[in-house]
C-alpha cells in the first residue's frame, strides 16, 4: 500500500486539543484526529477502522488489560496499551456520537 492511503484526513475531524486515546476515561466519546507510529502500525489501526474522523466510545479503560472500544455503531474492538498511545483523539463536546 502507498503512503497516500495512510495520510488521508477527512474534513470532519474536529479541532481542539488532542490527547492519546489511552488517556480517555470509560464512558467518554471521542473522534480520532491523528494516527501515529510506523507505517505498519498506522496501516493496521486504519484497517481496524481507527482512521481520522472515526467516532469511538470508550467502554473499558482500566489499569490492566486491553482498552475496549465501540467503533462504527455496534462494533467492538480491544486494543493493547501500546496501540492506544499512537491514536490522538479529540473529545466530543456533548458526549454522544452520531452514527
N, C-alpha and C. Protein backbone atom coordinates (compact mmCIF):
# COMPACT_ATOMS: atom_id res chain seq x y z
N UNK A 1 0.84 -1.18 0.00
CA UNK A 1 0.00 0.00 0.00
C UNK A 1 0.88 1.24 0.00
N UNK A 2 0.36 2.31 -0.55
CA UNK A 2 1.17 3.52 -0.59
C UNK A 2 0.86 4.43 0.58
N UNK A 3 1.75 5.42 0.82
CA UNK A 3 1.59 6.34 1.95
C UNK A 3 0.39 7.25 1.81
N UNK A 4 -0.09 7.47 0.59
CA UNK A 4 -1.25 8.34 0.39
C UNK A 4 -2.47 7.79 1.12
N UNK A 5 -2.66 6.48 1.11
CA UNK A 5 -3.81 5.89 1.78
C UNK A 5 -3.75 6.12 3.28
N UNK A 6 -2.57 6.15 3.84
CA UNK A 6 -2.40 6.31 5.28
C UNK A 6 -2.59 7.77 5.69
N UNK A 7 -2.23 8.69 4.85
CA UNK A 7 -2.22 10.11 5.20
C UNK A 7 -3.56 10.81 4.99
N UNK A 8 -4.57 10.12 4.51
CA UNK A 8 -5.86 10.77 4.26
C UNK A 8 -6.47 11.31 5.53
N UNK A 9 -6.95 12.53 5.49
CA UNK A 9 -7.59 13.15 6.64
C UNK A 9 -8.88 13.79 6.18
N UNK A 10 -10.04 13.29 6.62
CA UNK A 10 -11.31 13.89 6.22
C UNK A 10 -11.51 15.26 6.82
N UNK A 11 -12.37 16.05 6.21
CA UNK A 11 -12.64 17.41 6.67
C UNK A 11 -13.45 17.44 7.96
N UNK A 12 -14.02 16.31 8.38
CA UNK A 12 -14.90 16.28 9.55
C UNK A 12 -14.16 16.11 10.88
N UNK A 13 -12.84 16.03 10.88
CA UNK A 13 -12.10 15.86 12.12
C UNK A 13 -12.19 17.15 12.92
N UNK A 14 -12.70 17.08 14.18
CA UNK A 14 -12.87 18.29 14.97
C UNK A 14 -11.54 18.91 15.36
N UNK A 15 -11.57 20.20 15.56
CA UNK A 15 -10.38 20.92 16.02
C UNK A 15 -10.43 21.00 17.54
N UNK A 16 -9.32 21.35 18.15
CA UNK A 16 -9.25 21.44 19.59
C UNK A 16 -8.11 20.60 20.10
N UNK A 17 -7.91 20.59 21.41
CA UNK A 17 -6.78 19.84 21.97
C UNK A 17 -6.94 18.34 21.76
N UNK A 18 -5.86 17.72 21.34
CA UNK A 18 -5.86 16.27 21.13
C UNK A 18 -5.09 15.60 22.26
N UNK A 19 -5.48 14.36 22.55
CA UNK A 19 -4.80 13.58 23.59
C UNK A 19 -4.72 12.13 23.12
N UNK A 20 -3.81 11.36 23.68
CA UNK A 20 -3.74 9.95 23.32
C UNK A 20 -5.01 9.23 23.76
N UNK A 21 -5.46 8.29 22.99
CA UNK A 21 -6.64 7.51 23.32
C UNK A 21 -6.50 6.84 24.68
N UNK A 22 -5.29 6.49 25.05
CA UNK A 22 -5.04 5.82 26.33
C UNK A 22 -5.48 6.66 27.53
N UNK A 23 -5.62 7.97 27.36
CA UNK A 23 -5.98 8.86 28.46
C UNK A 23 -7.49 9.11 28.58
N UNK A 24 -8.27 8.55 27.69
CA UNK A 24 -9.71 8.78 27.70
C UNK A 24 -10.36 7.87 28.74
N UNK A 25 -11.25 8.44 29.53
CA UNK A 25 -11.94 7.68 30.58
C UNK A 25 -13.07 6.83 30.03
N UNK A 26 -13.41 5.79 30.75
CA UNK A 26 -14.54 4.93 30.40
C UNK A 26 -15.81 5.77 30.28
N UNK A 27 -16.59 5.50 29.25
CA UNK A 27 -17.85 6.20 29.04
C UNK A 27 -17.75 7.45 28.18
N UNK A 28 -16.54 7.88 27.87
CA UNK A 28 -16.37 9.10 27.07
C UNK A 28 -16.42 8.79 25.58
N UNK A 29 -16.88 9.77 24.82
CA UNK A 29 -16.94 9.69 23.36
C UNK A 29 -15.87 10.59 22.77
N UNK A 30 -15.17 10.09 21.76
CA UNK A 30 -14.10 10.85 21.12
C UNK A 30 -14.13 10.62 19.61
N UNK A 31 -13.40 11.48 18.91
CA UNK A 31 -13.22 11.34 17.47
C UNK A 31 -11.72 11.26 17.21
N UNK A 32 -11.31 10.30 16.37
CA UNK A 32 -9.90 10.14 16.03
C UNK A 32 -9.44 11.36 15.23
N UNK A 33 -8.36 11.94 15.66
CA UNK A 33 -7.82 13.11 14.99
C UNK A 33 -6.58 12.76 14.16
N UNK A 34 -5.74 11.87 14.71
CA UNK A 34 -4.48 11.53 14.02
C UNK A 34 -4.04 10.14 14.46
N UNK A 35 -3.44 9.40 13.55
CA UNK A 35 -2.88 8.08 13.86
C UNK A 35 -1.39 8.16 13.62
N UNK A 36 -0.60 7.88 14.66
CA UNK A 36 0.86 7.96 14.59
C UNK A 36 1.47 6.57 14.62
N UNK A 37 2.79 6.54 14.54
CA UNK A 37 3.53 5.28 14.57
C UNK A 37 4.15 5.00 13.22
N UNK A 38 4.81 3.85 13.15
CA UNK A 38 5.43 3.46 11.88
C UNK A 38 4.33 3.12 10.87
N UNK A 39 4.72 2.98 9.64
CA UNK A 39 3.76 2.73 8.56
C UNK A 39 2.91 1.49 8.85
N UNK A 40 3.51 0.44 9.37
CA UNK A 40 2.79 -0.79 9.65
C UNK A 40 1.74 -0.58 10.74
N UNK A 41 2.10 0.11 11.80
CA UNK A 41 1.16 0.38 12.90
C UNK A 41 0.01 1.26 12.42
N UNK A 42 0.34 2.32 11.69
CA UNK A 42 -0.70 3.22 11.17
C UNK A 42 -1.67 2.46 10.28
N UNK A 43 -1.14 1.65 9.38
CA UNK A 43 -2.00 0.92 8.46
C UNK A 43 -2.87 -0.09 9.20
N UNK A 44 -2.34 -0.76 10.21
CA UNK A 44 -3.11 -1.72 10.99
C UNK A 44 -4.27 -1.03 11.71
N UNK A 45 -4.00 0.11 12.32
CA UNK A 45 -5.05 0.84 13.03
C UNK A 45 -6.12 1.37 12.07
N UNK A 46 -5.70 1.85 10.93
CA UNK A 46 -6.65 2.33 9.92
C UNK A 46 -7.49 1.16 9.40
N UNK A 47 -6.86 0.00 9.19
CA UNK A 47 -7.60 -1.18 8.74
C UNK A 47 -8.66 -1.61 9.76
N UNK A 48 -8.42 -1.33 11.03
CA UNK A 48 -9.37 -1.65 12.09
C UNK A 48 -10.49 -0.62 12.21
N UNK A 49 -10.42 0.44 11.40
CA UNK A 49 -11.46 1.47 11.41
C UNK A 49 -11.12 2.68 12.25
N UNK A 50 -9.87 2.77 12.72
CA UNK A 50 -9.47 3.89 13.56
C UNK A 50 -8.73 4.95 12.75
N UNK A 51 -9.39 5.45 11.73
CA UNK A 51 -8.82 6.47 10.86
C UNK A 51 -9.33 7.85 11.30
N UNK A 52 -8.66 8.93 10.89
CA UNK A 52 -9.11 10.27 11.27
C UNK A 52 -10.58 10.48 10.91
N UNK A 53 -11.33 10.97 11.87
CA UNK A 53 -12.76 11.20 11.70
C UNK A 53 -13.61 10.09 12.29
N UNK A 54 -13.01 8.94 12.61
CA UNK A 54 -13.77 7.82 13.19
C UNK A 54 -14.26 8.20 14.58
N UNK A 55 -15.49 7.83 14.87
CA UNK A 55 -16.09 8.11 16.16
C UNK A 55 -15.98 6.88 17.05
N UNK A 56 -15.55 7.10 18.29
CA UNK A 56 -15.27 6.00 19.22
C UNK A 56 -15.92 6.29 20.57
N UNK A 57 -16.42 5.25 21.20
CA UNK A 57 -16.92 5.35 22.57
C UNK A 57 -16.11 4.37 23.41
N UNK A 58 -15.50 4.85 24.48
CA UNK A 58 -14.66 4.00 25.32
C UNK A 58 -15.55 3.21 26.28
N UNK A 59 -15.52 1.89 26.17
CA UNK A 59 -16.32 1.02 27.02
C UNK A 59 -15.56 0.55 28.25
N UNK A 60 -14.25 0.39 28.11
CA UNK A 60 -13.42 -0.07 29.23
C UNK A 60 -12.03 0.52 29.10
N UNK A 61 -11.56 1.11 30.20
CA UNK A 61 -10.19 1.61 30.25
C UNK A 61 -9.72 1.49 31.69
N UNK A 62 -9.14 0.35 32.00
CA UNK A 62 -8.67 0.07 33.35
C UNK A 62 -7.15 -0.02 33.33
N UNK A 63 -6.55 -0.03 34.52
CA UNK A 63 -5.10 -0.04 34.63
C UNK A 63 -4.47 -1.26 33.97
N UNK A 64 -5.17 -2.39 34.01
CA UNK A 64 -4.62 -3.60 33.38
C UNK A 64 -5.59 -4.10 32.32
N UNK A 65 -5.05 -4.82 31.39
CA UNK A 65 -5.88 -5.37 30.32
C UNK A 65 -6.06 -4.41 29.17
N UNK A 66 -6.69 -4.89 28.11
CA UNK A 66 -6.86 -4.06 26.92
C UNK A 66 -7.95 -3.01 27.11
N UNK A 67 -7.91 -2.00 26.27
CA UNK A 67 -8.95 -0.98 26.22
C UNK A 67 -10.02 -1.51 25.28
N UNK A 68 -11.29 -1.42 25.69
CA UNK A 68 -12.40 -1.90 24.87
C UNK A 68 -13.13 -0.68 24.31
N UNK A 69 -13.32 -0.67 22.99
CA UNK A 69 -13.92 0.46 22.29
C UNK A 69 -15.14 0.03 21.51
N UNK A 70 -16.11 0.93 21.40
CA UNK A 70 -17.23 0.76 20.49
C UNK A 70 -16.90 1.58 19.25
N UNK A 71 -16.85 0.93 18.11
CA UNK A 71 -16.49 1.57 16.86
C UNK A 71 -17.55 1.25 15.82
N UNK A 72 -17.93 2.22 15.03
CA UNK A 72 -18.90 2.02 13.94
C UNK A 72 -20.19 1.40 14.44
N UNK A 73 -20.82 2.04 15.40
CA UNK A 73 -22.10 1.56 15.90
C UNK A 73 -21.95 0.44 16.90
N UNK A 74 -22.25 -0.79 16.48
CA UNK A 74 -22.23 -1.90 17.42
C UNK A 74 -20.93 -2.71 17.37
N UNK A 75 -19.94 -2.26 16.62
CA UNK A 75 -18.66 -2.96 16.55
C UNK A 75 -17.86 -2.77 17.83
N UNK A 76 -17.16 -3.81 18.25
CA UNK A 76 -16.32 -3.76 19.45
C UNK A 76 -14.90 -4.07 19.06
N UNK A 77 -13.96 -3.40 19.74
CA UNK A 77 -12.55 -3.57 19.43
C UNK A 77 -11.76 -3.52 20.72
N UNK A 78 -10.84 -4.46 20.91
CA UNK A 78 -9.95 -4.46 22.07
C UNK A 78 -8.56 -4.10 21.58
N UNK A 79 -7.96 -3.10 22.23
CA UNK A 79 -6.61 -2.65 21.85
C UNK A 79 -5.71 -2.66 23.07
N UNK A 80 -4.47 -3.10 22.89
CA UNK A 80 -3.47 -3.05 23.94
C UNK A 80 -3.03 -1.62 24.19
N UNK A 81 -2.44 -1.39 25.35
CA UNK A 81 -1.98 -0.05 25.75
C UNK A 81 -1.03 0.58 24.74
N UNK A 82 -0.11 -0.20 24.22
CA UNK A 82 0.86 0.36 23.27
C UNK A 82 0.19 0.95 22.04
N UNK A 83 -0.81 0.27 21.53
CA UNK A 83 -1.51 0.76 20.34
C UNK A 83 -2.31 2.03 20.65
N UNK A 84 -2.88 2.11 21.85
CA UNK A 84 -3.72 3.28 22.18
C UNK A 84 -2.91 4.56 22.30
N UNK A 85 -1.61 4.44 22.54
CA UNK A 85 -0.76 5.63 22.63
C UNK A 85 -0.53 6.27 21.26
N UNK A 86 -0.72 5.51 20.18
CA UNK A 86 -0.49 6.01 18.83
C UNK A 86 -1.69 6.76 18.25
N UNK A 87 -2.81 6.73 18.93
CA UNK A 87 -4.04 7.33 18.40
C UNK A 87 -4.36 8.62 19.17
N UNK A 88 -4.35 9.75 18.46
CA UNK A 88 -4.70 11.02 19.08
C UNK A 88 -6.16 11.30 18.80
N UNK A 89 -6.88 11.71 19.85
CA UNK A 89 -8.32 11.92 19.75
C UNK A 89 -8.71 13.28 20.31
N UNK A 90 -9.90 13.72 19.94
CA UNK A 90 -10.50 14.94 20.45
C UNK A 90 -11.83 14.57 21.07
N UNK A 91 -12.11 15.10 22.24
CA UNK A 91 -13.37 14.80 22.93
C UNK A 91 -14.55 15.33 22.14
N UNK A 92 -15.66 14.60 22.20
CA UNK A 92 -16.91 15.05 21.60
C UNK A 92 -17.58 15.93 22.65
N UNK A 93 -17.93 17.15 22.29
CA UNK A 93 -18.42 18.13 23.26
C UNK A 93 -19.65 17.72 24.03
N UNK A 94 -20.61 17.05 23.38
CA UNK A 94 -21.84 16.68 24.08
C UNK A 94 -21.81 15.26 24.60
N UNK A 95 -20.71 14.54 24.40
CA UNK A 95 -20.56 13.20 24.93
C UNK A 95 -21.30 12.11 24.17
N UNK A 96 -21.99 12.47 23.11
CA UNK A 96 -22.68 11.45 22.32
C UNK A 96 -22.17 11.49 20.89
N UNK A 97 -22.30 10.37 20.23
CA UNK A 97 -21.82 10.24 18.87
C UNK A 97 -22.98 10.05 17.92
N UNK A 98 -22.78 10.50 16.70
CA UNK A 98 -23.75 10.25 15.62
C UNK A 98 -23.28 9.03 14.85
N UNK A 99 -24.21 8.22 14.35
CA UNK A 99 -23.83 7.05 13.55
C UNK A 99 -23.46 7.44 12.16
